[in-house]
Amino acid sequence: MTVELHVPEGWLTVCELSELTPGRGVAVLLPDGGQAAVFVDRSGRTYAIDNRDPFTGAAVLSRGLVGCAGGRPFVASPLLKQRFDLLSGRCLDDEGAAVRTYPVRTAVTSAAVV
């Protein structure tokens, strides 16, 4: 199974689902030069948000701590600890801030025939 993000150019293959560690993120370079942070939870659900922390401008959200508040999964920035909802991108600690979310899916990998 591969993890794919939907970007303006179409579906972008990120990695194999088995390469992701539940509760930890990975940074992905996007075709436009930006970055996304991709996460998988313990149930196998995948999420993708902008990797740039809007409070500092640093591309660090993929290194944040993943948790759950009120049934909503979030990542806490490793710098100032603001929490971002992984479903909506909104900041749980500051109503005026949010990060972009990306549609994400898992797809069956077709094995190459030799």
N, C-alpha and C. Protein backbone atom coordinates (compact mmCIF):
# COMPACT_ATOMS: atom_id res chain seq x y z
N MET A 1 0.84 -1.18 0.00
CA MET A 1 0.00 0.00 0.00
C MET A 1 0.89 1.24 0.00
N THR A 2 0.59 2.17 -0.89
CA THR A 2 1.31 3.43 -0.93
C THR A 2 0.44 4.54 -0.36
N VAL A 3 1.10 5.56 0.17
CA VAL A 3 0.43 6.76 0.67
C VAL A 3 0.56 7.81 -0.43
N GLU A 4 -0.58 8.43 -0.78
CA GLU A 4 -0.59 9.44 -1.83
C GLU A 4 -1.29 10.70 -1.35
N LEU A 5 -0.76 11.86 -1.76
CA LEU A 5 -1.36 13.16 -1.45
C LEU A 5 -1.93 13.75 -2.73
N HIS A 6 -3.04 14.46 -2.59
CA HIS A 6 -3.59 15.15 -3.75
C HIS A 6 -3.05 16.57 -3.77
N VAL A 7 -2.33 16.89 -4.82
CA VAL A 7 -1.75 18.21 -5.05
C VAL A 7 -2.31 18.72 -6.38
N PRO A 8 -2.12 20.00 -6.72
CA PRO A 8 -2.69 20.51 -7.97
C PRO A 8 -2.35 19.67 -9.21
N GLU A 9 -1.20 19.04 -9.22
CA GLU A 9 -0.79 18.23 -10.38
C GLU A 9 -1.45 16.86 -10.41
N GLY A 10 -2.13 16.47 -9.34
CA GLY A 10 -2.77 15.15 -9.26
C GLY A 10 -2.32 14.42 -7.99
N TRP A 11 -2.44 13.10 -8.01
CA TRP A 11 -2.04 12.30 -6.84
C TRP A 11 -0.54 12.07 -6.86
N LEU A 12 0.12 12.43 -5.75
CA LEU A 12 1.56 12.31 -5.60
C LEU A 12 1.86 11.15 -4.66
N THR A 13 2.60 10.16 -5.13
CA THR A 13 2.99 9.04 -4.27
C THR A 13 4.08 9.50 -3.31
N VAL A 14 3.85 9.24 -2.01
CA VAL A 14 4.77 9.70 -0.97
C VAL A 14 5.71 8.58 -0.54
N CYS A 15 5.14 7.45 -0.13
CA CYS A 15 5.94 6.35 0.38
C CYS A 15 5.03 5.14 0.57
N GLU A 16 5.62 4.05 0.98
CA GLU A 16 4.84 2.87 1.37
C GLU A 16 4.26 3.12 2.76
N LEU A 17 3.02 2.72 2.97
CA LEU A 17 2.38 2.88 4.29
C LEU A 17 3.22 2.22 5.37
N SER A 18 3.83 1.10 5.08
CA SER A 18 4.64 0.37 6.07
C SER A 18 5.88 1.15 6.51
N GLU A 19 6.27 2.18 5.76
CA GLU A 19 7.43 2.98 6.12
C GLU A 19 7.10 4.05 7.16
N LEU A 20 5.81 4.30 7.41
CA LEU A 20 5.40 5.30 8.39
C LEU A 20 5.27 4.65 9.76
N THR A 21 5.68 5.37 10.79
CA THR A 21 5.56 4.92 12.17
C THR A 21 4.37 5.62 12.81
N PRO A 22 3.41 4.86 13.35
CA PRO A 22 2.25 5.50 13.98
C PRO A 22 2.68 6.52 15.04
N GLY A 23 2.07 7.70 14.97
CA GLY A 23 2.36 8.75 15.93
C GLY A 23 3.54 9.63 15.57
N ARG A 24 4.22 9.35 14.48
CA ARG A 24 5.36 10.15 14.04
C ARG A 24 5.11 10.63 12.62
N GLY A 25 5.62 11.79 12.31
CA GLY A 25 5.42 12.35 10.99
C GLY A 25 6.64 12.26 10.12
N VAL A 26 6.42 12.47 8.82
CA VAL A 26 7.51 12.59 7.85
C VAL A 26 7.25 13.82 7.00
N ALA A 27 8.31 14.48 6.60
CA ALA A 27 8.20 15.64 5.71
C ALA A 27 8.29 15.16 4.27
N VAL A 28 7.48 15.79 3.42
CA VAL A 28 7.42 15.43 2.01
C VAL A 28 7.64 16.69 1.18
N LEU A 29 8.56 16.63 0.23
CA LEU A 29 8.79 17.74 -0.68
C LEU A 29 7.73 17.67 -1.78
N LEU A 30 7.03 18.77 -1.98
CA LEU A 30 5.96 18.84 -2.97
C LEU A 30 6.48 19.38 -4.30
N PRO A 31 5.77 19.12 -5.40
CA PRO A 31 6.24 19.60 -6.71
C PRO A 31 6.44 21.11 -6.78
N ASP A 32 5.68 21.88 -5.99
CA ASP A 32 5.82 23.35 -6.03
C ASP A 32 6.94 23.86 -5.12
N GLY A 33 7.69 22.95 -4.48
CA GLY A 33 8.78 23.34 -3.60
C GLY A 33 8.38 23.46 -2.15
N GLY A 34 7.09 23.42 -1.86
CA GLY A 34 6.61 23.44 -0.47
C GLY A 34 6.79 22.08 0.18
N GLN A 35 6.33 21.99 1.42
CA GLN A 35 6.44 20.73 2.15
C GLN A 35 5.11 20.38 2.80
N ALA A 36 4.85 19.09 2.90
CA ALA A 36 3.71 18.59 3.66
C ALA A 36 4.26 17.70 4.77
N ALA A 37 3.48 17.59 5.85
CA ALA A 37 3.79 16.67 6.93
C ALA A 37 2.76 15.55 6.89
N VAL A 38 3.21 14.31 6.80
CA VAL A 38 2.32 13.16 6.68
C VAL A 38 2.42 12.33 7.95
N PHE A 39 1.25 11.91 8.44
CA PHE A 39 1.16 11.14 9.68
C PHE A 39 0.27 9.92 9.48
N VAL A 40 0.49 8.89 10.26
CA VAL A 40 -0.41 7.75 10.33
C VAL A 40 -0.67 7.50 11.82
N ASP A 41 -1.94 7.20 12.16
CA ASP A 41 -2.23 6.92 13.56
C ASP A 41 -2.20 5.41 13.79
N ARG A 42 -2.44 4.99 15.02
CA ARG A 42 -2.34 3.57 15.37
C ARG A 42 -3.39 2.71 14.68
N SER A 43 -4.48 3.34 14.24
CA SER A 43 -5.51 2.57 13.52
C SER A 43 -5.20 2.48 12.02
N GLY A 44 -4.15 3.16 11.57
CA GLY A 44 -3.76 3.11 10.17
C GLY A 44 -4.30 4.25 9.33
N ARG A 45 -5.02 5.19 9.94
CA ARG A 45 -5.54 6.33 9.20
C ARG A 45 -4.42 7.33 8.93
N THR A 46 -4.40 7.87 7.72
CA THR A 46 -3.35 8.81 7.34
C THR A 46 -3.88 10.23 7.27
N TYR A 47 -2.97 11.18 7.52
CA TYR A 47 -3.30 12.61 7.52
C TYR A 47 -2.15 13.35 6.86
N ALA A 48 -2.46 14.51 6.26
CA ALA A 48 -1.41 15.34 5.69
C ALA A 48 -1.78 16.81 5.86
N ILE A 49 -0.82 17.58 6.38
CA ILE A 49 -0.99 19.01 6.56
C ILE A 49 0.26 19.71 6.06
N ASP A 50 0.19 21.03 5.95
CA ASP A 50 1.37 21.82 5.61
C ASP A 50 2.41 21.62 6.70
N ASN A 51 3.66 21.50 6.31
CA ASN A 51 4.73 21.28 7.29
C ASN A 51 5.20 22.58 7.95
N ARG A 52 4.79 23.72 7.42
CA ARG A 52 5.25 25.02 7.92
C ARG A 52 4.42 25.47 9.11
N ASP A 53 5.09 25.74 10.22
CA ASP A 53 4.46 26.26 11.43
C ASP A 53 4.13 27.73 11.18
N PRO A 54 2.85 28.13 11.19
CA PRO A 54 2.51 29.52 10.88
C PRO A 54 2.98 30.53 11.93
N PHE A 55 3.33 30.07 13.11
CA PHE A 55 3.78 30.98 14.16
C PHE A 55 5.26 31.33 14.04
N THR A 56 6.05 30.41 13.50
CA THR A 56 7.49 30.65 13.40
C THR A 56 8.00 30.68 11.97
N GLY A 57 7.25 30.11 11.05
CA GLY A 57 7.69 30.01 9.67
C GLY A 57 8.60 28.83 9.40
N ALA A 58 8.93 28.08 10.43
CA ALA A 58 9.83 26.93 10.28
C ALA A 58 9.06 25.70 9.79
N ALA A 59 9.69 24.92 8.93
CA ALA A 59 9.09 23.69 8.41
C ALA A 59 9.38 22.55 9.38
N VAL A 60 8.57 22.46 10.44
CA VAL A 60 8.85 21.52 11.53
C VAL A 60 7.66 20.69 12.00
N LEU A 61 6.47 20.90 11.46
CA LEU A 61 5.31 20.21 12.01
C LEU A 61 5.42 18.68 11.90
N SER A 62 6.16 18.19 10.92
CA SER A 62 6.34 16.73 10.79
C SER A 62 7.07 16.15 11.99
N ARG A 63 7.76 16.99 12.76
CA ARG A 63 8.49 16.52 13.94
C ARG A 63 7.71 16.72 15.24
N GLY A 64 6.45 17.14 15.10
CA GLY A 64 5.63 17.42 16.27
C GLY A 64 5.11 16.19 16.98
N LEU A 65 4.51 16.43 18.14
CA LEU A 65 3.93 15.36 18.94
C LEU A 65 2.48 15.16 18.53
N VAL A 66 2.10 13.92 18.25
CA VAL A 66 0.75 13.59 17.83
C VAL A 66 -0.06 13.20 19.06
N GLY A 67 -1.30 13.68 19.12
CA GLY A 67 -2.18 13.36 20.23
C GLY A 67 -3.63 13.43 19.80
N CYS A 68 -4.53 13.44 20.78
CA CYS A 68 -5.95 13.49 20.52
C CYS A 68 -6.60 14.36 21.59
N ALA A 69 -7.48 15.26 21.17
CA ALA A 69 -8.20 16.14 22.11
C ALA A 69 -9.66 16.17 21.69
N GLY A 70 -10.53 15.75 22.58
CA GLY A 70 -11.95 15.75 22.26
C GLY A 70 -12.28 14.86 21.07
N GLY A 71 -11.55 13.78 20.91
CA GLY A 71 -11.78 12.87 19.79
C GLY A 71 -11.18 13.32 18.48
N ARG A 72 -10.46 14.45 18.47
CA ARG A 72 -9.86 14.97 17.25
C ARG A 72 -8.34 14.77 17.29
N PRO A 73 -7.76 14.17 16.25
CA PRO A 73 -6.31 14.00 16.21
C PRO A 73 -5.63 15.34 15.94
N PHE A 74 -4.49 15.56 16.58
CA PHE A 74 -3.74 16.80 16.37
C PHE A 74 -2.26 16.52 16.39
N VAL A 75 -1.50 17.50 15.91
CA VAL A 75 -0.05 17.51 16.07
C VAL A 75 0.30 18.81 16.77
N ALA A 76 1.17 18.72 17.77
CA ALA A 76 1.65 19.90 18.49
C ALA A 76 3.01 20.29 17.92
N SER A 77 3.14 21.55 17.55
CA SER A 77 4.40 22.03 17.00
C SER A 77 5.53 21.78 17.99
N PRO A 78 6.67 21.31 17.50
CA PRO A 78 7.80 21.09 18.41
C PRO A 78 8.42 22.38 18.93
N LEU A 79 8.07 23.52 18.35
CA LEU A 79 8.67 24.78 18.77
C LEU A 79 7.87 25.47 19.87
N LEU A 80 6.68 25.92 19.56
CA LEU A 80 5.89 26.67 20.54
C LEU A 80 4.71 25.88 21.10
N LYS A 81 4.55 24.64 20.63
CA LYS A 81 3.55 23.68 21.15
C LYS A 81 2.10 23.97 20.77
N GLN A 82 1.82 24.88 19.83
CA GLN A 82 0.44 25.04 19.38
C GLN A 82 0.01 23.75 18.71
N ARG A 83 -1.25 23.39 18.93
CA ARG A 83 -1.80 22.14 18.40
C ARG A 83 -2.63 22.41 17.15
N PHE A 84 -2.41 21.61 16.11
CA PHE A 84 -3.12 21.73 14.85
C PHE A 84 -3.93 20.47 14.59
N ASP A 85 -5.23 20.66 14.36
CA ASP A 85 -6.15 19.56 14.08
C ASP A 85 -5.72 18.92 12.76
N LEU A 86 -5.49 17.61 12.76
CA LEU A 86 -5.04 16.93 11.55
C LEU A 86 -6.14 16.76 10.51
N LEU A 87 -7.40 16.92 10.90
CA LEU A 87 -8.50 16.82 9.96
C LEU A 87 -8.82 18.14 9.27
N SER A 88 -8.83 19.22 10.05
CA SER A 88 -9.24 20.53 9.50
C SER A 88 -8.08 21.50 9.29
N GLY A 89 -6.96 21.28 9.99
CA GLY A 89 -5.82 22.19 9.93
C GLY A 89 -5.91 23.37 10.88
N ARG A 90 -7.04 23.55 11.54
CA ARG A 90 -7.18 24.73 12.41
C ARG A 90 -6.37 24.54 13.68
N CYS A 91 -5.88 25.66 14.19
CA CYS A 91 -5.11 25.65 15.43
C CYS A 91 -6.08 25.56 16.60
N LEU A 92 -5.86 24.61 17.49
CA LEU A 92 -6.72 24.42 18.65
C LEU A 92 -6.44 25.44 19.74
N ASP A 93 -5.34 26.17 19.63
CA ASP A 93 -4.93 27.11 20.66
C ASP A 93 -5.05 28.58 20.25
N ASP A 94 -5.34 28.82 18.96
CA ASP A 94 -5.44 30.19 18.46
C ASP A 94 -6.39 30.16 17.26
N GLU A 95 -7.60 30.66 17.44
CA GLU A 95 -8.62 30.60 16.39
C GLU A 95 -8.22 31.29 15.10
N GLY A 96 -7.25 32.19 15.17
CA GLY A 96 -6.84 32.93 13.99
C GLY A 96 -5.80 32.23 13.13
N ALA A 97 -5.39 31.05 13.51
CA ALA A 97 -4.32 30.37 12.78
C ALA A 97 -4.80 29.00 12.28
N ALA A 98 -4.24 28.61 11.17
CA ALA A 98 -4.55 27.29 10.60
C ALA A 98 -3.44 26.92 9.61
N VAL A 99 -3.37 25.65 9.28
CA VAL A 99 -2.46 25.16 8.25
C VAL A 99 -3.30 24.45 7.19
N ARG A 100 -2.77 24.37 6.02
CA ARG A 100 -3.46 23.68 4.92
C ARG A 100 -3.48 22.18 5.20
N THR A 101 -4.58 21.54 4.82
CA THR A 101 -4.65 20.08 4.85
C THR A 101 -4.64 19.58 3.42
N TYR A 102 -4.21 18.36 3.24
CA TYR A 102 -4.17 17.74 1.93
C TYR A 102 -5.00 16.46 1.95
N PRO A 103 -5.79 16.23 0.89
CA PRO A 103 -6.44 14.93 0.78
C PRO A 103 -5.36 13.86 0.69
N VAL A 104 -5.55 12.79 1.41
CA VAL A 104 -4.56 11.71 1.42
C VAL A 104 -5.29 10.39 1.28
N ARG A 105 -4.67 9.45 0.59
CA ARG A 105 -5.27 8.13 0.42
C ARG A 105 -4.18 7.08 0.42
N THR A 106 -4.59 5.87 0.64
CA THR A 106 -3.69 4.74 0.48
C THR A 106 -4.16 3.97 -0.74
N ALA A 107 -3.23 3.52 -1.52
CA ALA A 107 -3.55 2.80 -2.75
C ALA A 107 -2.76 1.51 -2.80
N VAL A 108 -3.34 0.52 -3.41
CA VAL A 108 -2.67 -0.77 -3.57
C VAL A 108 -1.53 -0.59 -4.56
N THR A 109 -0.37 -1.07 -4.17
CA THR A 109 0.81 -1.01 -5.03
C THR A 109 0.76 -2.18 -5.99
N SER A 110 0.95 -1.89 -7.26
CA SER A 110 1.00 -2.98 -8.24
C SER A 110 2.45 -3.44 -8.36
N ALA A 111 2.64 -4.72 -8.20
CA ALA A 111 4.00 -5.27 -8.27
C ALA A 111 4.46 -5.32 -9.73
N ALA A 112 5.69 -5.03 -9.93
CA ALA A 112 6.25 -5.08 -11.28
C ALA A 112 6.44 -6.54 -11.70
N VAL A 113 6.09 -6.82 -12.93
CA VAL A 113 6.25 -8.18 -13.46
C VAL A 113 7.54 -8.20 -14.27
N VAL A 114 8.39 -9.18 -13.95
CA VAL A 114 9.68 -9.28 -14.66
C VAL A 114 9.65 -10.44 -15.61
